[in-house]
All heavy atoms as atom14 arrays in JSON, in Angstrom:
{
  "sequence": "VETFGARLKRLRTIFHLSQDDIARIVGGRGRTTIGNWEAGLAE",
  "atom14_mask": [
    [1, 1, 1, 1, 1, 1, 1, 0, 0, 0, 0, 0, 0, 0],
    [1, 1, 1, 1, 1, 1, 1, 1, 1, 0, 0, 0, 0, 0],
    [1, 1, 1, 1, 1, 1, 1, 0, 0, 0, 0, 0, 0, 0],
    [1, 1, 1, 1, 1, 1, 1, 1, 1, 1, 1, 0, 0, 0],
    [1, 1, 1, 1, 0, 0, 0, 0, 0, 0, 0, 0, 0, 0],
    [1, 1, 1, 1, 1, 0, 0, 0, 0, 0, 0, 0, 0, 0],
    [1, 1, 1, 1, 1, 1, 1, 1, 1, 1, 1, 0, 0, 0],
    [1, 1, 1, 1, 1, 1, 1, 1, 0, 0, 0, 0, 0, 0],
    [1, 1, 1, 1, 1, 1, 1, 1, 1, 0, 0, 0, 0, 0],
    [1, 1, 1, 1, 1, 1, 1, 1, 1, 1, 1, 0, 0, 0],
    [1, 1, 1, 1, 1, 1, 1, 1, 0, 0, 0, 0, 0, 0],
    [1, 1, 1, 1, 1, 1, 1, 1, 1, 1, 1, 0, 0, 0],
    [1, 1, 1, 1, 1, 1, 1, 0, 0, 0, 0, 0, 0, 0],
    [1, 1, 1, 1, 1, 1, 1, 1, 0, 0, 0, 0, 0, 0],
    [1, 1, 1, 1, 1, 1, 1, 1, 1, 1, 1, 0, 0, 0],
    [1, 1, 1, 1, 1, 1, 1, 1, 1, 1, 0, 0, 0, 0],
    [1, 1, 1, 1, 1, 1, 1, 1, 0, 0, 0, 0, 0, 0],
    [1, 1, 1, 1, 1, 1, 0, 0, 0, 0, 0, 0, 0, 0],
    [1, 1, 1, 1, 1, 1, 1, 1, 1, 0, 0, 0, 0, 0],
    [1, 1, 1, 1, 1, 1, 1, 1, 0, 0, 0, 0, 0, 0],
    [1, 1, 1, 1, 1, 1, 1, 1, 0, 0, 0, 0, 0, 0],
    [1, 1, 1, 1, 1, 1, 1, 1, 0, 0, 0, 0, 0, 0],
    [1, 1, 1, 1, 1, 0, 0, 0, 0, 0, 0, 0, 0, 0],
    [1, 1, 1, 1, 1, 1, 1, 1, 1, 1, 1, 0, 0, 0],
    [1, 1, 1, 1, 1, 1, 1, 1, 0, 0, 0, 0, 0, 0],
    [1, 1, 1, 1, 1, 1, 1, 0, 0, 0, 0, 0, 0, 0],
    [1, 1, 1, 1, 0, 0, 0, 0, 0, 0, 0, 0, 0, 0],
    [1, 1, 1, 1, 0, 0, 0, 0, 0, 0, 0, 0, 0, 0],
    [1, 1, 1, 1, 1, 1, 1, 1, 1, 1, 1, 0, 0, 0],
    [1, 1, 1, 1, 0, 0, 0, 0, 0, 0, 0, 0, 0, 0],
    [1, 1, 1, 1, 1, 1, 1, 1, 1, 1, 1, 0, 0, 0],
    [1, 1, 1, 1, 1, 1, 1, 0, 0, 0, 0, 0, 0, 0],
    [1, 1, 1, 1, 1, 1, 1, 0, 0, 0, 0, 0, 0, 0],
    [1, 1, 1, 1, 1, 1, 1, 1, 0, 0, 0, 0, 0, 0],
    [1, 1, 1, 1, 0, 0, 0, 0, 0, 0, 0, 0, 0, 0],
    [1, 1, 1, 1, 1, 1, 1, 1, 0, 0, 0, 0, 0, 0],
    [1, 1, 1, 1, 1, 1, 1, 1, 1, 1, 1, 1, 1, 1],
    [1, 1, 1, 1, 1, 1, 1, 1, 1, 0, 0, 0, 0, 0],
    [1, 1, 1, 1, 1, 0, 0, 0, 0, 0, 0, 0, 0, 0],
    [1, 1, 1, 1, 0, 0, 0, 0, 0, 0, 0, 0, 0, 0],
    [1, 1, 1, 1, 1, 1, 1, 1, 0, 0, 0, 0, 0, 0],
    [1, 1, 1, 1, 1, 0, 0, 0, 0, 0, 0, 0, 0, 0],
    [1, 1, 1, 1, 1, 1, 1, 1, 1, 0, 0, 0, 0, 0]
  ],
  "atom14_positions": [
    [[119.75, 63.14, 167.52], [119.56, 61.92, 166.78], [118.31, 61.23, 167.27], [117.95, 61.31, 168.42], [120.78, 60.98, 166.92], [120.9, 60.45, 168.32], [120.72, 59.86, 165.92], [0.0, 0.0, 0.0], [0.0, 0.0, 0.0], [0.0, 0.0, 0.0], [0.0, 0.0, 0.0], [0.0, 0.0, 0.0], [0.0, 0.0, 0.0], [0.0, 0.0, 0.0]],
    [[117.6, 60.57, 166.36], [116.39, 59.88, 166.74], [116.57, 58.36, 166.67], [116.52, 57.67, 167.68], [115.23, 60.3, 165.84], [114.93, 61.8, 165.82], [115.86, 62.56, 164.9], [116.47, 61.95, 164.0], [115.99, 63.78, 165.09], [0.0, 0.0, 0.0], [0.0, 0.0, 0.0], [0.0, 0.0, 0.0], [0.0, 0.0, 0.0], [0.0, 0.0, 0.0]],
    [[116.83, 57.87, 165.5], [116.88, 56.43, 165.27], [117.93, 56.1, 164.23], [118.5, 57.0, 163.59], [115.52, 55.93, 164.75], [115.26, 56.57, 163.48], [114.4, 56.22, 165.73], [0.0, 0.0, 0.0], [0.0, 0.0, 0.0], [0.0, 0.0, 0.0], [0.0, 0.0, 0.0], [0.0, 0.0, 0.0], [0.0, 0.0, 0.0], [0.0, 0.0, 0.0]],
    [[118.17, 54.8, 164.05], [119.04, 54.37, 162.96], [118.51, 54.9, 161.63], [119.27, 55.38, 160.78], [119.11, 52.84, 162.9], [119.57, 52.31, 161.57], [120.9, 52.34, 161.21], [118.65, 51.81, 160.65], [121.33, 51.89, 159.97], [119.06, 51.34, 159.41], [120.41, 51.38, 159.07], [0.0, 0.0, 0.0], [0.0, 0.0, 0.0], [0.0, 0.0, 0.0]],
    [[117.19, 54.83, 161.42], [116.6, 55.28, 160.17], [116.87, 56.75, 159.89], [117.2, 57.13, 158.76], [0.0, 0.0, 0.0], [0.0, 0.0, 0.0], [0.0, 0.0, 0.0], [0.0, 0.0, 0.0], [0.0, 0.0, 0.0], [0.0, 0.0, 0.0], [0.0, 0.0, 0.0], [0.0, 0.0, 0.0], [0.0, 0.0, 0.0], [0.0, 0.0, 0.0]],
    [[116.76, 57.58, 160.93], [117.02, 59.01, 160.76], [118.48, 59.26, 160.43], [118.82, 60.1, 159.6], [116.63, 59.76, 162.03], [0.0, 0.0, 0.0], [0.0, 0.0, 0.0], [0.0, 0.0, 0.0], [0.0, 0.0, 0.0], [0.0, 0.0, 0.0], [0.0, 0.0, 0.0], [0.0, 0.0, 0.0], [0.0, 0.0, 0.0], [0.0, 0.0, 0.0]],
    [[119.37, 58.5, 161.07], [120.8, 58.67, 160.81], [121.16, 58.21, 159.4], [121.93, 58.85, 158.7], [121.61, 57.92, 161.86], [123.1, 58.06, 161.67], [123.85, 57.93, 162.97], [123.62, 59.07, 163.83], [124.28, 59.27, 164.98], [125.17, 58.39, 165.39], [124.04, 60.32, 165.72], [0.0, 0.0, 0.0], [0.0, 0.0, 0.0], [0.0, 0.0, 0.0]],
    [[120.58, 57.09, 158.97], [120.84, 56.61, 157.61], [120.38, 57.64, 156.58], [121.09, 57.93, 155.61], [120.13, 55.28, 157.38], [120.21, 54.72, 155.96], [121.66, 54.46, 155.55], [119.37, 53.44, 155.84], [0.0, 0.0, 0.0], [0.0, 0.0, 0.0], [0.0, 0.0, 0.0], [0.0, 0.0, 0.0], [0.0, 0.0, 0.0], [0.0, 0.0, 0.0]],
    [[119.2, 58.18, 156.8], [118.68, 59.18, 155.86], [119.57, 60.4, 155.8], [119.83, 60.97, 154.73], [117.26, 59.58, 156.26], [116.59, 60.52, 155.26], [115.14, 60.77, 155.64], [114.46, 61.68, 154.61], [113.03, 61.9, 154.97], [0.0, 0.0, 0.0], [0.0, 0.0, 0.0], [0.0, 0.0, 0.0], [0.0, 0.0, 0.0], [0.0, 0.0, 0.0]],
    [[120.09, 60.84, 156.95], [120.97, 62.0, 156.98], [122.27, 61.7, 156.25], [122.76, 62.53, 155.45], [121.26, 62.41, 158.42], [122.08, 63.7, 158.51], [122.12, 64.25, 159.89], [122.85, 63.39, 160.81], [123.02, 63.66, 162.1], [122.47, 64.74, 162.62], [123.71, 62.85, 162.87], [0.0, 0.0, 0.0], [0.0, 0.0, 0.0], [0.0, 0.0, 0.0]],
    [[122.85, 60.51, 156.47], [124.06, 60.13, 155.75], [123.81, 60.08, 154.25], [124.62, 60.55, 153.44], [124.56, 58.77, 156.25], [125.26, 58.74, 157.62], [125.39, 57.31, 158.1], [126.61, 59.4, 157.54], [0.0, 0.0, 0.0], [0.0, 0.0, 0.0], [0.0, 0.0, 0.0], [0.0, 0.0, 0.0], [0.0, 0.0, 0.0], [0.0, 0.0, 0.0]],
    [[122.69, 59.5, 153.89], [122.34, 59.39, 152.46], [122.23, 60.77, 151.82], [122.7, 60.99, 150.69], [121.03, 58.61, 152.32], [120.59, 58.41, 150.88], [119.44, 57.43, 150.79], [118.24, 57.87, 151.48], [117.4, 58.79, 151.0], [117.65, 59.38, 149.85], [116.31, 59.12, 151.68], [0.0, 0.0, 0.0], [0.0, 0.0, 0.0], [0.0, 0.0, 0.0]],
    [[121.65, 61.71, 152.56], [121.51, 63.07, 152.05], [122.85, 63.76, 151.91], [123.12, 64.43, 150.89], [120.6, 63.89, 152.99], [119.32, 63.25, 153.07], [120.42, 65.31, 152.47], [0.0, 0.0, 0.0], [0.0, 0.0, 0.0], [0.0, 0.0, 0.0], [0.0, 0.0, 0.0], [0.0, 0.0, 0.0], [0.0, 0.0, 0.0], [0.0, 0.0, 0.0]],
    [[123.72, 63.59, 152.91], [125.05, 64.2, 152.87], [125.84, 63.71, 151.67], [126.55, 64.46, 151.0], [125.81, 63.91, 154.18], [125.17, 64.67, 155.35], [127.29, 64.27, 154.06], [125.72, 64.29, 156.7], [0.0, 0.0, 0.0], [0.0, 0.0, 0.0], [0.0, 0.0, 0.0], [0.0, 0.0, 0.0], [0.0, 0.0, 0.0], [0.0, 0.0, 0.0]],
    [[125.7, 62.42, 151.37], [126.46, 61.82, 150.27], [125.71, 61.9, 148.93], [126.17, 61.34, 147.93], [126.79, 60.36, 150.6], [127.96, 60.19, 151.52], [127.83, 60.44, 152.88], [129.19, 59.78, 151.04], [128.9, 60.29, 153.74], [130.28, 59.63, 151.89], [130.14, 59.88, 153.25], [0.0, 0.0, 0.0], [0.0, 0.0, 0.0], [0.0, 0.0, 0.0]],
    [[124.56, 62.58, 148.93], [123.78, 62.76, 147.69], [123.41, 61.42, 147.05], [123.59, 61.21, 145.85], [124.55, 63.63, 146.68], [125.02, 64.93, 147.25], [124.16, 65.94, 147.61], [126.27, 65.38, 147.55], [124.85, 66.96, 148.1], [126.13, 66.65, 148.07], [0.0, 0.0, 0.0], [0.0, 0.0, 0.0], [0.0, 0.0, 0.0], [0.0, 0.0, 0.0]],
    [[122.89, 60.51, 147.87], [122.53, 59.18, 147.39], [121.02, 58.98, 147.46], [120.33, 59.58, 148.29], [123.21, 58.11, 148.24], [124.75, 58.12, 148.28], [125.25, 57.13, 149.32], [125.32, 57.81, 146.91], [0.0, 0.0, 0.0], [0.0, 0.0, 0.0], [0.0, 0.0, 0.0], [0.0, 0.0, 0.0], [0.0, 0.0, 0.0], [0.0, 0.0, 0.0]],
    [[120.51, 58.13, 146.58], [119.09, 57.77, 146.61], [118.93, 56.47, 147.41], [119.91, 55.8, 147.74], [118.58, 57.56, 145.19], [119.19, 56.42, 144.6], [0.0, 0.0, 0.0], [0.0, 0.0, 0.0], [0.0, 0.0, 0.0], [0.0, 0.0, 0.0], [0.0, 0.0, 0.0], [0.0, 0.0, 0.0], [0.0, 0.0, 0.0], [0.0, 0.0, 0.0]],
    [[117.69, 56.12, 147.68], [117.44, 54.85, 148.35], [117.88, 53.69, 147.46], [118.34, 52.65, 147.96], [115.97, 54.73, 148.72], [115.56, 55.68, 149.84], [114.1, 55.55, 150.21], [113.29, 55.0, 149.45], [113.72, 56.05, 151.39], [0.0, 0.0, 0.0], [0.0, 0.0, 0.0], [0.0, 0.0, 0.0], [0.0, 0.0, 0.0], [0.0, 0.0, 0.0]],
    [[117.76, 53.85, 146.15], [118.24, 52.81, 145.22], [119.76, 52.65, 145.35], [120.28, 51.52, 145.26], [117.88, 53.18, 143.78], [116.41, 52.99, 143.49], [115.8, 52.08, 144.08], [115.86, 53.76, 142.67], [0.0, 0.0, 0.0], [0.0, 0.0, 0.0], [0.0, 0.0, 0.0], [0.0, 0.0, 0.0], [0.0, 0.0, 0.0], [0.0, 0.0, 0.0]],
    [[120.48, 53.77, 145.54], [121.93, 53.69, 145.72], [122.28, 52.88, 146.97], [123.19, 52.05, 146.95], [122.53, 55.09, 145.84], [122.43, 55.89, 144.55], [122.53, 55.28, 143.47], [122.25, 57.12, 144.64], [0.0, 0.0, 0.0], [0.0, 0.0, 0.0], [0.0, 0.0, 0.0], [0.0, 0.0, 0.0], [0.0, 0.0, 0.0], [0.0, 0.0, 0.0]],
    [[121.55, 53.14, 148.05], [121.8, 52.4, 149.3], [121.51, 50.92, 149.1], [122.26, 50.06, 149.59], [120.93, 52.96, 150.45], [121.26, 54.42, 150.72], [121.12, 52.12, 151.71], [122.68, 54.67, 151.16], [0.0, 0.0, 0.0], [0.0, 0.0, 0.0], [0.0, 0.0, 0.0], [0.0, 0.0, 0.0], [0.0, 0.0, 0.0], [0.0, 0.0, 0.0]],
    [[120.45, 50.61, 148.37], [120.11, 49.22, 148.09], [121.26, 48.52, 147.36], [121.58, 47.35, 147.63], [118.82, 49.14, 147.27], [0.0, 0.0, 0.0], [0.0, 0.0, 0.0], [0.0, 0.0, 0.0], [0.0, 0.0, 0.0], [0.0, 0.0, 0.0], [0.0, 0.0, 0.0], [0.0, 0.0, 0.0], [0.0, 0.0, 0.0], [0.0, 0.0, 0.0]],
    [[121.89, 49.23, 146.43], [123.01, 48.64, 145.7], [124.23, 48.46, 146.61], [124.98, 47.48, 146.47], [123.37, 49.51, 144.5], [122.39, 49.38, 143.32], [122.93, 50.04, 142.07], [122.93, 51.51, 142.2], [121.9, 52.29, 141.87], [120.78, 51.74, 141.4], [121.97, 53.59, 142.0], [0.0, 0.0, 0.0], [0.0, 0.0, 0.0], [0.0, 0.0, 0.0]],
    [[124.44, 49.4, 147.52], [125.59, 49.32, 148.42], [125.5, 48.09, 149.32], [126.48, 47.36, 149.51], [125.68, 50.6, 149.28], [126.09, 51.79, 148.41], [126.69, 50.42, 150.43], [125.9, 53.14, 149.09], [0.0, 0.0, 0.0], [0.0, 0.0, 0.0], [0.0, 0.0, 0.0], [0.0, 0.0, 0.0], [0.0, 0.0, 0.0], [0.0, 0.0, 0.0]],
    [[124.33, 47.85, 149.89], [124.18, 46.71, 150.79], [123.96, 45.42, 150.04], [124.22, 44.33, 150.56], [123.04, 46.95, 151.81], [123.35, 48.15, 152.68], [121.7, 47.14, 151.11], [0.0, 0.0, 0.0], [0.0, 0.0, 0.0], [0.0, 0.0, 0.0], [0.0, 0.0, 0.0], [0.0, 0.0, 0.0], [0.0, 0.0, 0.0], [0.0, 0.0, 0.0]],
    [[123.45, 45.5, 148.81], [123.28, 44.32, 147.97], [122.09, 43.46, 148.38], [121.85, 43.23, 149.57], [0.0, 0.0, 0.0], [0.0, 0.0, 0.0], [0.0, 0.0, 0.0], [0.0, 0.0, 0.0], [0.0, 0.0, 0.0], [0.0, 0.0, 0.0], [0.0, 0.0, 0.0], [0.0, 0.0, 0.0], [0.0, 0.0, 0.0], [0.0, 0.0, 0.0]],
    [[121.34, 43.0, 147.39], [120.25, 42.07, 147.65], [119.02, 42.69, 148.28], [118.14, 41.98, 148.77], [0.0, 0.0, 0.0], [0.0, 0.0, 0.0], [0.0, 0.0, 0.0], [0.0, 0.0, 0.0], [0.0, 0.0, 0.0], [0.0, 0.0, 0.0], [0.0, 0.0, 0.0], [0.0, 0.0, 0.0], [0.0, 0.0, 0.0], [0.0, 0.0, 0.0]],
    [[118.93, 44.02, 148.31], [117.76, 44.7, 148.84], [117.17, 45.6, 147.78], [117.82, 46.0, 146.83], [118.11, 45.58, 150.06], [118.15, 44.84, 151.38], [119.44, 44.15, 151.59], [119.55, 43.59, 152.93], [120.59, 42.87, 153.32], [121.59, 42.6, 152.5], [120.64, 42.38, 154.54], [0.0, 0.0, 0.0], [0.0, 0.0, 0.0], [0.0, 0.0, 0.0]],
    [[115.9, 45.93, 147.98], [115.24, 46.85, 147.08], [115.0, 48.18, 147.74], [115.22, 48.36, 148.94], [0.0, 0.0, 0.0], [0.0, 0.0, 0.0], [0.0, 0.0, 0.0], [0.0, 0.0, 0.0], [0.0, 0.0, 0.0], [0.0, 0.0, 0.0], [0.0, 0.0, 0.0], [0.0, 0.0, 0.0], [0.0, 0.0, 0.0], [0.0, 0.0, 0.0]],
    [[114.5, 49.13, 146.96], [114.24, 50.46, 147.48], [113.23, 50.43, 148.63], [113.35, 51.2, 149.58], [113.72, 51.35, 146.35], [113.45, 52.78, 146.75], [113.0, 53.6, 145.58], [112.79, 54.99, 145.95], [112.41, 55.93, 145.1], [112.2, 55.63, 143.82], [112.23, 57.17, 145.52], [0.0, 0.0, 0.0], [0.0, 0.0, 0.0], [0.0, 0.0, 0.0]],
    [[112.27, 49.53, 148.57], [111.26, 49.44, 149.62], [111.88, 49.09, 150.96], [111.5, 49.64, 152.01], [110.2, 48.38, 149.25], [109.57, 48.77, 148.03], [109.15, 48.27, 150.35], [0.0, 0.0, 0.0], [0.0, 0.0, 0.0], [0.0, 0.0, 0.0], [0.0, 0.0, 0.0], [0.0, 0.0, 0.0], [0.0, 0.0, 0.0], [0.0, 0.0, 0.0]],
    [[112.85, 48.18, 150.94], [113.54, 47.79, 152.18], [114.24, 48.98, 152.8], [114.16, 49.21, 154.02], [114.56, 46.68, 151.89], [113.88, 45.53, 151.41], [115.33, 46.31, 153.16], [0.0, 0.0, 0.0], [0.0, 0.0, 0.0], [0.0, 0.0, 0.0], [0.0, 0.0, 0.0], [0.0, 0.0, 0.0], [0.0, 0.0, 0.0], [0.0, 0.0, 0.0]],
    [[114.92, 49.77, 151.97], [115.63, 50.94, 152.48], [114.64, 51.95, 153.05], [114.87, 52.55, 154.1], [116.49, 51.6, 151.38], [117.39, 50.56, 150.69], [117.32, 52.73, 151.98], [118.26, 49.76, 151.63], [0.0, 0.0, 0.0], [0.0, 0.0, 0.0], [0.0, 0.0, 0.0], [0.0, 0.0, 0.0], [0.0, 0.0, 0.0], [0.0, 0.0, 0.0]],
    [[113.52, 52.12, 152.37], [112.48, 53.01, 152.86], [111.95, 52.56, 154.22], [111.7, 53.38, 155.11], [0.0, 0.0, 0.0], [0.0, 0.0, 0.0], [0.0, 0.0, 0.0], [0.0, 0.0, 0.0], [0.0, 0.0, 0.0], [0.0, 0.0, 0.0], [0.0, 0.0, 0.0], [0.0, 0.0, 0.0], [0.0, 0.0, 0.0], [0.0, 0.0, 0.0]],
    [[111.81, 51.25, 154.38], [111.35, 50.71, 155.67], [112.38, 50.94, 156.78], [112.02, 51.22, 157.92], [111.04, 49.22, 155.54], [109.76, 48.94, 154.79], [108.88, 49.81, 154.69], [109.63, 47.74, 154.23], [0.0, 0.0, 0.0], [0.0, 0.0, 0.0], [0.0, 0.0, 0.0], [0.0, 0.0, 0.0], [0.0, 0.0, 0.0], [0.0, 0.0, 0.0]],
    [[113.66, 50.82, 156.43], [114.7, 51.1, 157.41], [114.6, 52.55, 157.88], [114.65, 52.83, 159.07], [116.09, 50.87, 156.81], [116.44, 49.43, 156.58], [115.72, 48.33, 156.95], [117.61, 48.94, 155.91], [116.36, 47.19, 156.56], [117.53, 47.52, 155.92], [118.7, 49.54, 155.31], [118.51, 46.73, 155.36], [119.69, 48.75, 154.74], [119.59, 47.35, 154.77]],
    [[114.49, 53.46, 156.92], [114.46, 54.88, 157.27], [113.2, 55.25, 158.04], [113.21, 56.19, 158.86], [114.6, 55.73, 156.01], [115.98, 55.6, 155.36], [116.17, 56.55, 154.18], [115.2, 57.27, 153.84], [117.28, 56.57, 153.61], [0.0, 0.0, 0.0], [0.0, 0.0, 0.0], [0.0, 0.0, 0.0], [0.0, 0.0, 0.0], [0.0, 0.0, 0.0]],
    [[112.12, 54.54, 157.8], [110.86, 54.82, 158.5], [110.78, 54.12, 159.85], [109.83, 54.33, 160.62], [109.68, 54.38, 157.62], [0.0, 0.0, 0.0], [0.0, 0.0, 0.0], [0.0, 0.0, 0.0], [0.0, 0.0, 0.0], [0.0, 0.0, 0.0], [0.0, 0.0, 0.0], [0.0, 0.0, 0.0], [0.0, 0.0, 0.0], [0.0, 0.0, 0.0]],
    [[111.79, 53.28, 160.16], [111.78, 52.57, 161.42], [110.88, 51.36, 161.44], [110.55, 50.83, 162.5], [0.0, 0.0, 0.0], [0.0, 0.0, 0.0], [0.0, 0.0, 0.0], [0.0, 0.0, 0.0], [0.0, 0.0, 0.0], [0.0, 0.0, 0.0], [0.0, 0.0, 0.0], [0.0, 0.0, 0.0], [0.0, 0.0, 0.0], [0.0, 0.0, 0.0]],
    [[110.48, 50.87, 160.26], [109.59, 49.72, 160.17], [110.36, 48.4, 160.11], [109.77, 47.34, 160.25], [108.69, 49.85, 158.94], [107.79, 51.09, 158.91], [107.01, 51.15, 157.59], [106.84, 51.09, 160.11], [0.0, 0.0, 0.0], [0.0, 0.0, 0.0], [0.0, 0.0, 0.0], [0.0, 0.0, 0.0], [0.0, 0.0, 0.0], [0.0, 0.0, 0.0]],
    [[111.65, 48.49, 159.87], [112.5, 47.29, 159.8], [113.93, 47.7, 160.13], [114.26, 48.89, 160.1], [112.43, 46.66, 158.41], [0.0, 0.0, 0.0], [0.0, 0.0, 0.0], [0.0, 0.0, 0.0], [0.0, 0.0, 0.0], [0.0, 0.0, 0.0], [0.0, 0.0, 0.0], [0.0, 0.0, 0.0], [0.0, 0.0, 0.0], [0.0, 0.0, 0.0]],
    [[114.76, 46.72, 160.45], [116.15, 46.99, 160.78], [117.07, 46.11, 159.94], [116.72, 44.98, 159.6], [116.41, 46.73, 162.27], [115.64, 47.65, 163.19], [115.94, 47.38, 164.65], [116.61, 46.35, 164.94], [115.52, 48.18, 165.5], [0.0, 0.0, 0.0], [0.0, 0.0, 0.0], [0.0, 0.0, 0.0], [0.0, 0.0, 0.0], [0.0, 0.0, 0.0]]
  ]
}
């Protein structure tokens, strides 16, 4: 394991979800925010 972002991306892949799907799950975020999480640019 590397980071939260790497783990989120792996979970998203296992569940066949897009970054837009994750944005809807957490609510009030956009695809860019999820991309930043996975890249380690934000938490």
